[in-house]
Structure formats: C-alpha cells, structure tokens
Amino acid sequence: MDDILIGKGSGEVRLLPRYANRHGLIAGATGTGKSVSLMLLAEGFSRLGVPVFLADVKGDLAGLALPGVPSDKLQSRIDTLGIDWAPAPSPVVFWDIYGESGHPIRTTISEMGPTLLARLLELNDTQSGVLEIVFKAADDEGLLLLDIKDLRALLSWAGENAKELSQHYGLVSTASIGAIQRALLSLEQPGGDRFFGEPALDLADFMRQDLSGSGIVNILAADKLILKPRLYTTFLLWMLSELFETLPEVGDLDRPRLVFFFDEAHLLFDDAPAALRQRVEQVVRLIRSKGVGVYFCSQNPDDLPAAILGQMGNRVQHALRAFTPRDQKAVKAAAETFVANPGIDVAALIGQLGVGEALASTLQEGGTPQPVERVLVCPPRCRIGAIGDEERSAIRSRSPVGGRYDTPVDRESAFEILTARAAEAVAAPKAGSGSGAKGKAAPAPAGNSGWLGTARDMLFGTGRRQGMIEAMGKSTARRIGNQIANAVVRGVLGSISRGGR
C-alpha cells in the first residue's frame, strides 16, 4: 500500500503520502463520522510507517489499539465499497498528563516559556510582562525552572527583591506577582501542576516505529484534559512549537515524519490574542518543511482563521446542519473551500450527507487539489469505540517507553537553591552576633602555645581578662570622651552666660 483510500463514490479519493504534510481538515457536525475518518487516516499513516499523535477527547479513539469486530453492518459497507478488509490493530502508546490512563507527559517551566505559560495562566498584559522579567532574572541568576514549586519560589524571591529587579529590568509590582501566584494556585488545584517536572518529554519518543516498521500511534487521554481548555490547547500548541523549533528542515519527503491531529481545534483560537494567532499561523505554515503534517478536526471550517484554513490541502467534510444563520454561513464557507465539481452542488449536498458519508478532496500529482467527490468513507480495521481498563492496562504494560517516564525525578533547581540562600541569610546574623558582639573575644586559634601564646594573651587578653591593647584603648577612649564632654559643657555654659549679659 502506497496511499490511503479515504472512500469511494463516483470516483475514488486517495491521500498521497507525498502531500500528506500539506496539512488537512476533518469537519462535520457531531455524530456524522468525524472520529471514524480520523481513525481511518491514523491507522493508514501507521501502516505507511508514519508515527501519529492524536488527542482522544471522547475516549473512543483508543480502539485503534485493538482489531475491529466484524458485523453485518460493517460487512454491508465493505461489500458496497468492494474493498479487501481484515481486522488489525495499530501499535499504540497511551499518554496522559495526569498519569492515570497513560504514561505521564511532562515538560519544564523553562521549556514552556513565559508566553505560553501566560496564556495558560490567563494573565493580562501587565502580568505577562512581569512574568517575562521573572524568567529573565532566573536566566541571569542561573536558576533552573523545572516545576511549579520552582516558579513559586522564584516569584516569592522576586517579590522580596522587587525594587532591585525594577531598576534592572522594568517595573515589577508586588500586585502582579500576587496575581500570578493566585493563577498558579488555580492551575494546581485541578492537577495541572503534574504537567511540569522531569523527566521531560523527549519528542523523539513520539516519532518511533515498531519492529514491523509501522508508525507508533501516540494517543493522549484527553477526556479530563478537555475540561480545562486552556491547558489542553496550550499543551498541544507547545508540542507544535517544540517540533517546529527542534526538527531540522527536510523539505518535501515521500512521506511525513509525523502526523499531528488537533481535535476540537476551535478551542485553540477562542479568545486567543493576536500575537498567539500569528504564532500558530507561522508554525502551521512552516512546519510542513520539517516533515510534519497537521490535521485539524472541528465542527465548522470557519472555526479556523482564514490564513490557516488556506493551508489545508487535504479535506474531509462530513454533514453540516444549517439550523441557524451562523450554520448557513458555515455551510457556504465550507462549500467555497472545495475545487468545484460540475456534477455536485456542494452547498446543497453538505446538509444531505448521511452518517459515514463525506465530501472529500486531496492533493494529487503536482500538488493540485482534485475536484470534490461525494464518497462513502472506508471503515477502519481497528475497533470503533472505547476499550476497557484491563485492555488499556495490558497495552500500557507492553509500552517501550514506560520505564522512562512513569517515575518522576526531582533534582536541584530554583526551589532548592533559593531555599538554601534564604537559610544562609537567616543564619548569617546569628553567627555574627555570637562572635564578640557582647565583648567576648573570639576563641584563640589552635597551635599557638608557649611564649607566643603568653605574649598574645598579654596584648589581646583572654576570655576572662582584658589585654594591654584593650586597656589602652579604653583609657584613651575615656580621656577623649572626657575632653569632648568638658568642651561641650563649656560651650553651653558660655552661651548661657553671654545671653544673660
């Protein structure tokens, strides 16, 4: 197999691996078959040897790990399509930020960076600026920021040194620091702090093949994560950014190095600041030259900004229901994104598609999009639906990366260093007050005995009696003090007497 058969209608629609890194879109209303199309593409890429990453928002994509179950309905579709079909699983590795339904995924505070972290914490512009300053100060101080407690310790240190930081980097207000600390608390309460720490994720572990040469399908359990949309989208955006920053330029390959599915894509752009949108557009536009294909999954095509929608060369459009003016606008927008087919009225047909049907168009030889076709989507070979806890545990136990990520590591970083500094600062005054502040001489160094020790004691004294130098110093101080006191008294009396005359 050297391509992926998406479906058949009056003609076939096949996805060519050579153009799979030109990105894609799977759209359609709830219950129209988007998840099945996603599974079809994911296992197709895996059989081509292309690793895949996807987020399992509803818990039904985990079925990729198990072979499909034949049924009369399934057999009817196979007969209609006239294809060869045999049940087969894909090699799957389960991941979970919370470490419950898969291997923990972690990154460090430093790797996340202040920009994405500010979005995750929902900070305003002023607070985001203070966070930038705090990160810069940490770099200058050589402080590693690995987990939440490191950042919290650094913020406390910044609050105590706000005046000095303001002089060097710009205004650092304690109010902004307090707001950031409260946002960290809100992140910690639902377990978001588990995302930060070590061992941090090595993205090379997402780009693996099994012994047979099939690409590993990395499935992120996101049924709980989706309840925190900011954490969900920030994590996926961080992944895209890391891939963009770390992978070398490779140009157009015969097949992608990795395919990344971004489900519920509209969450990425809801209330996103202009700078973040611009960053996403830049990454999506340029990451294909790194050999990475990005496939967005959403209900409406207009959930994506026009600049990103224009990058989607491969499209599978399931049914849309035009019940509202916005829905009607979405239908029109979806119809306009396809290359026209004289035999298909796309705008009218989008609302008439049945479950498992789609309008599809992919890039063909030369990178030109084929005219849109109405197709019956091919069934995936894996199980369609969720899997049980015991099945998930058995698959997880065979994972090739479990030993690397399942046990957390806590090495010395900002928290430990700043805690040690604070302890030293508290201990220093106590040490100073115990070394002669009350007139007690410091203990004599060892090894001074005989006449040298006697001479030293005569000059400097011992703990019980004063020496010659100390006695002379006190005598001189008393004499000078008496002279000054007499002069002051004379001056005061003289002024009084002059005033009387």
Protein backbone atom coordinates (compact mmCIF):
# COMPACT_ATOMS: atom_id res chain seq x y z
CA MET A 1 0.00 0.00 0.00
CA ASP A 2 1.46 3.35 -1.00
CA ASP A 3 -1.50 5.62 -0.24
CA ILE A 4 -4.61 5.84 1.97
CA LEU A 5 -8.02 5.13 0.44
CA ILE A 6 -10.46 7.53 2.12
CA GLY A 7 -13.61 6.50 0.31
CA LYS A 8 -15.40 5.76 -2.92
CA GLY A 9 -18.26 7.36 -4.77
CA SER A 10 -18.44 8.03 -8.46
CA GLY A 11 -14.67 8.02 -8.12
CA GLU A 12 -12.03 7.23 -5.50
CA VAL A 13 -10.39 9.69 -3.13
CA ARG A 14 -6.90 8.70 -2.02
CA LEU A 15 -4.49 10.57 0.21
CA LEU A 16 -0.99 10.52 -1.25
CA PRO A 17 1.79 10.33 1.39
CA ARG A 18 3.95 12.72 -0.64
CA TYR A 19 1.43 15.51 0.01
CA ALA A 20 0.30 14.48 3.48
CA ASN A 21 2.49 17.16 5.06
CA ARG A 22 0.39 19.83 3.28
CA HIS A 23 -1.97 19.53 6.24
CA GLY A 24 -5.65 18.68 6.33
CA LEU A 25 -9.08 19.31 7.81
CA ILE A 26 -11.77 16.93 9.05
CA ALA A 27 -15.01 18.80 9.71
CA GLY A 28 -18.63 17.98 10.37
CA ALA A 29 -21.41 18.10 12.92
CA THR A 30 -21.45 15.84 15.97
CA GLY A 31 -22.36 12.25 15.14
CA THR A 32 -21.64 12.43 11.42
CA GLY A 33 -18.48 10.28 11.45
CA LYS A 34 -15.51 12.61 12.08
CA SER A 35 -13.94 10.22 14.59
CA VAL A 36 -14.15 7.29 12.16
CA SER A 37 -12.45 9.35 9.45
CA LEU A 38 -9.75 10.35 11.92
CA MET A 39 -9.16 6.70 12.88
CA LEU A 40 -9.04 5.69 9.21
CA LEU A 41 -6.32 8.25 8.49
CA ALA A 42 -4.38 7.49 11.69
CA GLU A 43 -4.13 3.76 11.04
CA GLY A 44 -3.43 4.43 7.36
CA PHE A 45 -0.44 6.59 8.26
CA SER A 46 0.71 3.97 10.76
CA ARG A 47 0.72 1.26 8.09
CA LEU A 48 2.80 3.58 5.90
CA GLY A 49 5.37 3.76 8.71
CA VAL A 50 4.41 7.31 9.75
CA PRO A 51 4.15 7.99 13.51
CA VAL A 52 0.94 9.71 14.62
CA PHE A 53 -0.07 11.85 17.57
CA LEU A 54 -3.71 12.48 18.44
CA ALA A 55 -5.77 13.56 21.43
CA ASP A 56 -8.63 11.28 22.47
CA VAL A 57 -11.21 13.77 23.66
CA LYS A 58 -14.20 11.43 23.94
CA GLY A 59 -12.33 8.21 24.78
CA ASP A 60 -13.36 6.42 21.59
CA LEU A 61 -10.09 6.67 19.67
CA ALA A 62 -8.35 4.17 21.96
CA GLY A 63 -9.95 1.45 19.83
CA LEU A 64 -7.03 1.92 17.42
CA ALA A 65 -5.08 -0.40 19.72
CA LEU A 66 -7.37 -3.41 19.11
CA PRO A 67 -8.59 -5.22 15.98
CA GLY A 68 -12.04 -4.47 14.62
CA VAL A 69 -15.07 -6.63 15.29
CA PRO A 70 -16.89 -7.90 12.18
CA SER A 71 -20.63 -7.25 12.00
CA ASP A 72 -23.41 -7.37 9.43
CA LYS A 73 -23.46 -3.59 9.13
CA LEU A 74 -19.71 -3.48 8.64
CA GLN A 75 -19.83 -6.28 6.07
CA SER A 76 -22.54 -4.44 4.15
CA ARG A 77 -20.32 -1.37 3.83
CA ILE A 78 -17.33 -3.47 2.78
CA ASP A 79 -19.42 -5.12 0.07
CA THR A 80 -20.73 -1.76 -1.14
CA LEU A 81 -17.23 -0.34 -1.39
CA GLY A 82 -15.77 -3.50 -2.89
CA ILE A 83 -12.59 -3.43 -0.81
CA ASP A 84 -10.48 -6.01 0.97
CA TRP A 85 -10.82 -5.68 4.72
CA ALA A 86 -9.32 -7.62 7.60
CA PRO A 87 -9.36 -6.63 11.30
CA ALA A 88 -5.98 -5.36 12.54
CA PRO A 89 -4.76 -3.22 15.46
CA SER A 90 -2.24 -0.41 15.28
CA PRO A 91 0.79 -0.15 17.59
CA VAL A 92 -0.36 2.30 20.25
CA VAL A 93 1.28 4.10 23.17
CA PHE A 94 -1.06 5.75 25.66
CA TRP A 95 -0.20 9.10 27.27
CA ASP A 96 -1.91 11.15 29.94
CA ILE A 97 -0.88 14.45 31.53
CA TYR A 98 -2.38 13.23 34.80
CA GLY A 99 -0.59 9.87 34.53
CA GLU A 100 -3.78 7.86 35.04
CA SER A 101 -4.72 6.44 31.64
CA GLY A 102 -1.25 6.51 30.12
CA HIS A 103 2.36 7.48 30.64
CA PRO A 104 2.78 10.93 32.19
CA ILE A 105 3.67 13.75 29.84
CA ARG A 106 5.80 16.44 31.43
CA THR A 107 7.69 19.49 30.39
CA THR A 108 9.63 22.02 32.43
CA ILE A 109 8.60 25.56 33.23
CA SER A 110 11.64 26.82 31.31
CA GLU A 111 10.76 24.81 28.20
CA MET A 112 7.17 26.05 28.29
CA GLY A 113 8.41 29.65 28.35
CA PRO A 114 6.70 32.80 29.60
CA THR A 115 4.49 33.40 26.55
CA LEU A 116 2.64 30.07 26.59
CA LEU A 117 2.65 29.98 30.38
CA ALA A 118 1.00 33.42 30.50
CA ARG A 119 -1.75 32.09 28.21
CA LEU A 120 -2.15 29.01 30.35
CA LEU A 121 -2.48 31.15 33.50
CA GLU A 122 -4.80 33.63 31.71
CA LEU A 123 -2.63 36.63 32.66
CA ASN A 124 -3.22 40.15 31.39
CA ASP A 125 -0.56 42.15 29.54
CA THR A 126 0.93 43.71 32.67
CA GLN A 127 1.17 40.40 34.49
CA SER A 128 2.61 38.73 31.39
CA GLY A 129 5.31 41.42 31.29
CA VAL A 130 6.22 40.74 34.91
CA LEU A 131 6.42 37.02 34.16
CA GLU A 132 8.82 37.80 31.29
CA ILE A 133 11.02 39.76 33.72
CA VAL A 134 10.96 36.94 36.27
CA PHE A 135 12.08 34.43 33.61
CA LYS A 136 14.88 36.79 32.52
CA ALA A 137 16.03 37.20 36.12
CA ALA A 138 16.06 33.41 36.54
CA ASP A 139 18.31 33.09 33.46
CA ASP A 140 20.68 35.74 34.79
CA GLU A 141 20.79 34.08 38.22
CA GLY A 142 21.34 30.63 36.73
CA LEU A 143 18.17 29.21 38.27
CA LEU A 144 16.53 26.15 36.70
CA LEU A 145 12.75 26.32 36.49
CA LEU A 146 11.53 22.74 36.35
CA ASP A 147 8.22 22.56 38.19
CA ILE A 148 5.56 24.68 39.86
CA LYS A 149 7.37 24.92 43.20
CA ASP A 150 10.40 26.36 41.39
CA LEU A 151 8.29 29.09 39.84
CA ARG A 152 6.52 29.79 43.12
CA ALA A 153 9.85 30.13 44.95
CA LEU A 154 11.15 32.43 42.20
CA LEU A 155 8.05 34.63 42.42
CA SER A 156 8.48 34.93 46.20
CA TRP A 157 12.11 35.91 45.68
CA ALA A 158 11.09 38.45 43.03
CA GLY A 159 8.55 39.97 45.44
CA GLU A 160 11.23 40.40 48.10
CA ASN A 161 13.61 41.97 45.58
CA ALA A 162 11.05 43.89 43.53
CA LYS A 163 12.86 47.22 43.94
CA GLU A 164 16.17 45.88 42.65
CA LEU A 165 14.52 44.00 39.78
CA SER A 166 12.57 47.12 38.78
CA GLN A 167 15.81 49.08 38.50
CA HIS A 168 17.39 46.50 36.18
CA TYR A 169 14.51 45.11 34.10
CA GLY A 170 11.48 47.37 34.45
CA LEU A 171 8.63 47.77 36.89
CA VAL A 172 7.89 44.68 38.95
CA SER A 173 4.84 45.26 41.12
CA THR A 174 4.01 43.05 44.06
CA ALA A 175 0.35 43.17 42.98
CA SER A 176 1.21 41.49 39.67
CA ILE A 177 3.33 38.90 41.43
CA GLY A 178 0.43 38.16 43.75
CA ALA A 179 -1.91 37.74 40.78
CA ILE A 180 0.49 35.28 39.12
CA GLN A 181 0.75 33.29 42.34
CA ARG A 182 -3.06 33.09 42.58
CA ALA A 183 -3.22 31.91 38.98
CA LEU A 184 -0.68 29.20 39.81
CA LEU A 185 -2.90 28.08 42.66
CA SER A 186 -5.85 27.81 40.27
CA LEU A 187 -3.71 25.71 37.94
CA GLU A 188 -2.56 23.41 40.73
CA GLN A 189 -6.00 22.64 42.16
CA PRO A 190 -7.28 20.53 39.22
CA GLY A 191 -3.90 18.79 38.86
CA GLY A 192 -2.38 20.96 36.16
CA ASP A 193 0.88 21.07 38.09
CA ARG A 194 1.53 17.44 37.08
CA PHE A 195 2.34 18.66 33.59
CA PHE A 196 5.52 20.34 34.86
CA GLY A 197 8.55 18.42 36.05
CA GLU A 198 11.03 15.78 35.00
CA PRO A 199 11.68 13.55 33.20
CA ALA A 200 10.53 15.91 30.49
CA LEU A 201 9.07 14.52 27.29
CA ASP A 202 11.54 13.76 24.53
CA LEU A 203 9.63 14.40 21.31
CA ALA A 204 11.75 11.73 19.62
CA ASP A 205 9.62 9.21 21.54
CA PHE A 206 6.61 10.40 19.53
CA MET A 207 8.41 9.60 16.29
CA ARG A 208 9.00 5.87 16.62
CA GLN A 209 8.20 2.74 14.65
CA ASP A 210 7.57 -0.76 15.92
CA LEU A 211 9.61 -3.80 14.88
CA SER A 212 7.44 -4.35 11.82
CA GLY A 213 8.06 -0.82 10.55
CA SER A 214 4.60 0.53 11.39
CA GLY A 215 4.41 4.02 12.84
CA ILE A 216 3.52 4.26 16.54
CA VAL A 217 0.13 5.88 17.21
CA ASN A 218 0.51 8.08 20.28
CA ILE A 219 -2.87 8.63 21.93
CA LEU A 220 -3.27 11.32 24.58
CA ALA A 221 -6.11 10.63 27.00
CA ALA A 222 -7.89 14.00 26.93
CA ASP A 223 -11.34 13.23 28.39
CA LYS A 224 -10.37 15.07 31.61
CA LEU A 225 -7.93 17.45 29.98
CA ILE A 226 -10.62 18.86 27.68
CA LEU A 227 -12.41 20.17 30.78
CA LYS A 228 -9.50 22.62 31.08
CA PRO A 229 -9.50 24.07 27.54
CA ARG A 230 -6.57 26.40 28.18
CA LEU A 231 -4.37 23.59 29.45
CA TYR A 232 -5.44 21.35 26.55
CA THR A 233 -4.74 23.86 23.80
CA THR A 234 -1.58 25.22 25.43
CA PHE A 235 -0.16 21.71 25.67
CA LEU A 236 -0.85 20.94 22.00
CA LEU A 237 0.47 24.33 20.91
CA TRP A 238 3.60 23.73 22.99
CA MET A 239 4.08 20.42 21.19
CA LEU A 240 3.75 22.04 17.79
CA SER A 241 6.17 24.80 18.78
CA GLU A 242 8.72 22.30 20.10
CA LEU A 243 8.52 20.28 16.90
CA PHE A 244 8.97 23.44 14.88
CA GLU A 245 11.98 24.56 16.93
CA THR A 246 13.79 21.23 17.20
CA LEU A 247 13.26 19.39 13.91
CA PRO A 248 15.62 20.14 11.02
CA GLU A 249 14.47 21.32 7.61
CA VAL A 250 13.90 18.37 5.28
CA GLY A 251 11.73 19.78 2.51
CA ASP A 252 9.22 17.55 0.76
CA LEU A 253 9.59 13.87 1.64
CA ASP A 254 7.98 10.75 0.21
CA ARG A 255 6.01 10.55 3.44
CA PRO A 256 5.78 12.73 6.58
CA ARG A 257 7.99 12.23 9.61
CA LEU A 258 4.98 12.74 11.90
CA VAL A 259 1.29 13.50 11.54
CA PHE A 260 -0.33 15.56 14.27
CA PHE A 261 -4.12 15.55 14.76
CA PHE A 262 -5.56 18.55 16.62
CA ASP A 263 -9.10 17.67 17.74
CA GLU A 264 -11.57 20.34 18.91
CA ALA A 265 -9.45 22.86 17.03
CA HIS A 266 -11.81 25.75 17.68
CA LEU A 267 -10.60 25.83 21.31
CA LEU A 268 -7.17 26.90 20.10
CA PHE A 269 -8.47 30.13 18.60
CA ASP A 270 -11.24 31.07 21.04
CA ASP A 271 -10.20 34.32 22.76
CA ALA A 272 -6.61 33.87 21.59
CA PRO A 273 -4.61 37.13 21.48
CA ALA A 274 -3.42 38.37 18.12
CA ALA A 275 0.21 37.53 18.87
CA LEU A 276 -0.66 33.92 19.63
CA ARG A 277 -2.77 33.55 16.48
CA GLN A 278 0.12 34.90 14.47
CA ARG A 279 2.45 32.36 16.08
CA VAL A 280 0.08 29.46 15.28
CA GLU A 281 -0.24 30.62 11.67
CA GLN A 282 3.54 30.83 11.37
CA VAL A 283 4.08 27.35 12.79
CA VAL A 284 1.38 25.73 10.63
CA ARG A 285 2.68 27.44 7.51
CA LEU A 286 6.33 26.48 8.04
CA ILE A 287 6.24 23.18 9.90
CA ARG A 288 5.48 21.21 6.75
CA SER A 289 9.08 21.85 5.67
CA LYS A 290 10.10 19.94 8.81
CA GLY A 291 8.19 16.91 7.54
CA VAL A 292 5.20 17.30 9.90
CA GLY A 293 1.58 17.25 8.75
CA VAL A 294 -1.08 18.91 10.93
CA TYR A 295 -4.72 17.83 10.65
CA PHE A 296 -7.35 19.93 12.39
CA CYS A 297 -10.66 18.40 13.46
CA SER A 298 -13.58 20.69 14.15
CA GLN A 299 -17.30 21.05 13.58
CA ASN A 300 -17.18 24.01 11.22
CA PRO A 301 -14.43 25.02 8.79
CA ASP A 302 -14.82 28.64 9.83
CA ASP A 303 -13.63 27.70 13.33
CA LEU A 304 -10.17 28.13 11.83
CA PRO A 305 -8.77 31.53 10.77
CA ALA A 306 -8.70 32.06 7.03
CA ALA A 307 -4.89 32.14 6.97
CA ILE A 308 -4.75 28.64 8.44
CA LEU A 309 -7.73 27.28 6.52
CA GLY A 310 -5.91 28.20 3.32
CA GLN A 311 -3.07 25.83 4.30
CA MET A 312 -5.37 22.78 4.45
CA GLY A 313 -4.68 20.90 1.21
CA ASN A 314 -6.50 17.65 2.16
CA ARG A 315 -10.13 17.87 3.30
CA VAL A 316 -12.85 15.55 4.50
CA GLN A 317 -16.15 17.33 5.07
CA HIS A 318 -18.97 15.47 6.82
CA ALA A 319 -22.54 16.74 7.12
CA LEU A 320 -23.35 20.18 8.50
CA ARG A 321 -26.79 21.10 9.78
CA ALA A 322 -27.88 24.60 8.77
CA PHE A 323 -30.32 25.40 11.57
CA THR A 324 -29.10 28.93 12.32
CA PRO A 325 -27.76 31.85 10.27
CA ARG A 326 -24.27 31.00 11.55
CA ASP A 327 -24.70 27.41 10.38
CA GLN A 328 -25.81 28.61 6.96
CA LYS A 329 -22.75 30.83 6.77
CA ALA A 330 -20.54 27.88 7.75
CA VAL A 331 -22.09 25.72 5.01
CA LYS A 332 -21.41 28.40 2.44
CA ALA A 333 -17.83 28.82 3.66
CA ALA A 334 -17.25 25.06 3.54
CA ALA A 335 -18.62 24.82 0.00
CA GLU A 336 -16.37 27.60 -1.24
CA THR A 337 -13.20 25.90 0.01
CA PHE A 338 -13.51 22.94 -2.38
CA VAL A 339 -12.48 22.77 -6.01
CA ALA A 340 -15.76 22.77 -7.91
CA ASN A 341 -17.13 19.58 -9.41
CA PRO A 342 -19.71 20.27 -12.15
CA GLY A 343 -21.78 17.29 -11.05
CA ILE A 344 -22.03 18.29 -7.38
CA ASP A 345 -23.86 21.18 -5.72
CA VAL A 346 -21.66 21.27 -2.63
CA ALA A 347 -23.68 23.84 -0.67
CA ALA A 348 -26.87 21.83 -1.06
CA LEU A 349 -25.24 18.45 -0.55
CA ILE A 350 -23.45 19.23 2.73
CA GLY A 351 -26.73 19.18 4.62
CA GLN A 352 -27.90 15.95 2.96
CA LEU A 353 -24.91 13.70 3.71
CA GLY A 354 -25.63 10.61 5.77
CA VAL A 355 -23.55 9.22 8.64
CA GLY A 356 -20.32 7.86 7.21
CA GLU A 357 -20.57 9.92 4.03
CA ALA A 358 -18.34 12.86 3.24
CA LEU A 359 -17.26 15.34 0.65
CA ALA A 360 -13.53 14.79 0.15
CA SER A 361 -10.71 16.33 -1.81
CA THR A 362 -6.98 15.65 -1.60
CA LEU A 363 -3.84 16.88 -3.31
CA GLN A 364 -2.87 14.88 -6.36
CA GLU A 365 0.25 14.75 -8.53
CA GLY A 366 1.82 18.17 -8.82
CA GLY A 367 0.16 19.28 -5.57
CA THR A 368 -3.10 20.28 -7.25
CA PRO A 369 -6.37 19.60 -5.40
CA GLN A 370 -8.75 17.20 -7.07
CA PRO A 371 -12.39 18.22 -7.66
CA VAL A 372 -14.57 17.41 -4.67
CA GLU A 373 -16.16 13.96 -4.57
CA ARG A 374 -19.07 12.58 -2.55
CA VAL A 375 -17.76 9.36 -1.00
CA LEU A 376 -18.73 6.58 1.35
CA VAL A 377 -15.90 6.55 3.89
CA CYS A 378 -13.99 3.30 4.23
CA PRO A 379 -14.20 1.57 7.61
CA PRO A 380 -11.00 1.41 9.68
CA ARG A 381 -9.59 -2.01 10.52
CA CYS A 382 -9.43 -1.29 14.24
CA ARG A 383 -12.18 -1.40 16.83
CA ILE A 384 -14.58 1.51 16.60
CA GLY A 385 -15.29 2.62 20.15
CA ALA A 386 -13.77 2.72 23.60
CA ILE A 387 -11.75 -0.02 25.27
CA GLY A 388 -11.86 -1.40 28.82
CA ASP A 389 -9.50 -0.54 31.67
CA GLU A 390 -7.95 -4.02 31.67
CA GLU A 391 -7.29 -3.84 27.94
CA ARG A 392 -5.71 -0.42 28.34
CA SER A 393 -3.51 -1.64 31.21
CA ALA A 394 -2.34 -4.64 29.19
CA ILE A 395 -1.36 -2.40 26.27
CA ARG A 396 0.34 0.07 28.56
CA SER A 397 2.38 -2.70 30.22
CA ARG A 398 3.93 -3.55 26.84
CA SER A 399 4.90 0.04 26.10
CA PRO A 400 8.54 0.60 25.07
CA VAL A 401 8.79 3.94 26.93
CA GLY A 402 7.06 3.22 30.24
CA GLY A 403 10.26 2.82 32.26
CA ARG A 404 11.47 6.23 31.14
CA TYR A 405 8.50 8.37 32.17
CA ASP A 406 6.48 6.61 34.86
CA THR A 407 8.78 7.57 37.76
CA PRO A 408 9.17 11.33 38.45
CA VAL A 409 12.57 12.90 39.16
CA ASP A 410 13.16 15.95 41.37
CA ARG A 411 16.68 17.33 41.05
CA GLU A 412 18.16 20.54 42.43
CA SER A 413 16.60 23.60 40.84
CA ALA A 414 15.36 27.08 41.74
CA PHE A 415 13.33 25.95 44.75
CA GLU A 416 16.25 24.19 46.43
CA ILE A 417 18.76 26.94 45.60
CA LEU A 418 16.55 29.80 46.81
CA THR A 419 15.61 27.88 49.95
CA ALA A 420 19.30 27.36 50.74
CA ARG A 421 20.02 31.06 50.15
CA ALA A 422 17.22 32.06 52.50
CA ALA A 423 18.53 29.70 55.19
CA GLU A 424 22.03 31.17 54.86
CA ALA A 425 20.67 34.71 55.10
CA VAL A 426 18.86 33.85 58.34
CA ALA A 427 21.90 32.09 59.81
CA ALA A 428 24.40 34.87 59.00
CA PRO A 429 23.18 37.49 61.57
CA LYS A 430 23.07 34.82 64.28
CA ALA A 431 26.64 33.82 63.54
CA GLY A 432 27.75 37.46 63.64
CA SER A 433 26.04 38.16 66.98
CA GLY A 434 27.81 35.19 68.59
CA SER A 435 31.34 36.26 67.60
CA GLY A 436 32.18 39.06 70.02
CA ALA A 437 29.17 41.34 69.91
CA LYS A 438 28.84 41.14 73.70
CA GLY A 439 32.54 41.73 74.40
CA LYS A 440 33.56 38.08 74.21
CA ALA A 441 36.84 37.50 72.45
CA ALA A 442 36.96 35.07 69.60
CA PRO A 443 38.49 31.72 70.53
CA ALA A 444 42.25 31.53 70.01
CA PRO A 445 43.35 29.56 67.01
CA ALA A 446 44.82 26.17 67.80
CA GLY A 447 48.56 25.64 67.71
CA ASN A 448 49.63 28.92 69.48
CA SER A 449 51.27 27.88 72.75
CA GLY A 450 54.37 28.79 74.79
CA TRP A 451 55.74 32.32 74.90
CA LEU A 452 53.90 33.33 71.70
CA GLY A 453 50.60 32.41 73.33
CA THR A 454 51.56 34.28 76.52
CA ALA A 455 52.53 37.40 74.57
CA ARG A 456 49.31 37.25 72.65
CA ASP A 457 47.27 36.97 75.83
CA MET A 458 49.12 39.97 77.35
CA LEU A 459 48.43 42.08 74.28
CA PHE A 460 44.93 40.98 73.31
CA GLY A 461 43.62 39.46 76.52
CA THR A 462 41.78 36.24 77.18
CA GLY A 463 38.16 35.42 77.67
CA ARG A 464 38.42 36.31 81.40
CA ARG A 465 40.69 39.40 81.42
CA GLN A 466 41.50 42.26 79.10
CA GLY A 467 44.84 42.73 77.39
CA MET A 468 47.15 45.72 77.20
CA ILE A 469 45.81 46.95 73.86
CA GLU A 470 42.20 46.72 75.04
CA ALA A 471 43.09 48.53 78.32
CA MET A 472 44.95 51.28 76.46
CA GLY A 473 42.08 51.65 74.03
CA LYS A 474 39.54 52.02 76.83
CA SER A 475 41.75 54.54 78.66
CA THR A 476 42.23 56.62 75.54
CA ALA A 477 38.50 56.49 74.80
CA ARG A 478 37.67 57.68 78.32
CA ARG A 479 40.19 60.55 78.09
CA ILE A 480 38.88 61.71 74.71
CA GLY A 481 35.32 61.34 75.93
CA ASN A 482 36.01 63.47 78.99
CA GLN A 483 37.67 66.20 76.89
CA ILE A 484 34.74 66.31 74.49
CA ALA A 485 32.25 66.41 77.35
CA ASN A 486 34.11 69.26 79.04
CA ALA A 487 34.25 71.24 75.81
CA VAL A 488 30.52 70.77 75.28
CA VAL A 489 29.75 71.87 78.82
CA ARG A 490 31.96 74.95 78.46
CA GLY A 491 30.29 75.84 75.20
CA VAL A 492 26.83 75.52 76.65
CA LEU A 493 27.63 77.49 79.80
CA GLY A 494 29.37 80.19 77.75
CA SER A 495 26.37 80.69 75.56
CA ILE A 496 24.10 80.95 78.58
CA SER A 497 26.34 83.49 80.27
CA ARG A 498 26.61 85.60 77.12
CA GLY A 499 22.87 85.54 76.71
CA GLY A 500 22.49 86.72 80.33
CA ARG A 501 24.79 89.71 79.83
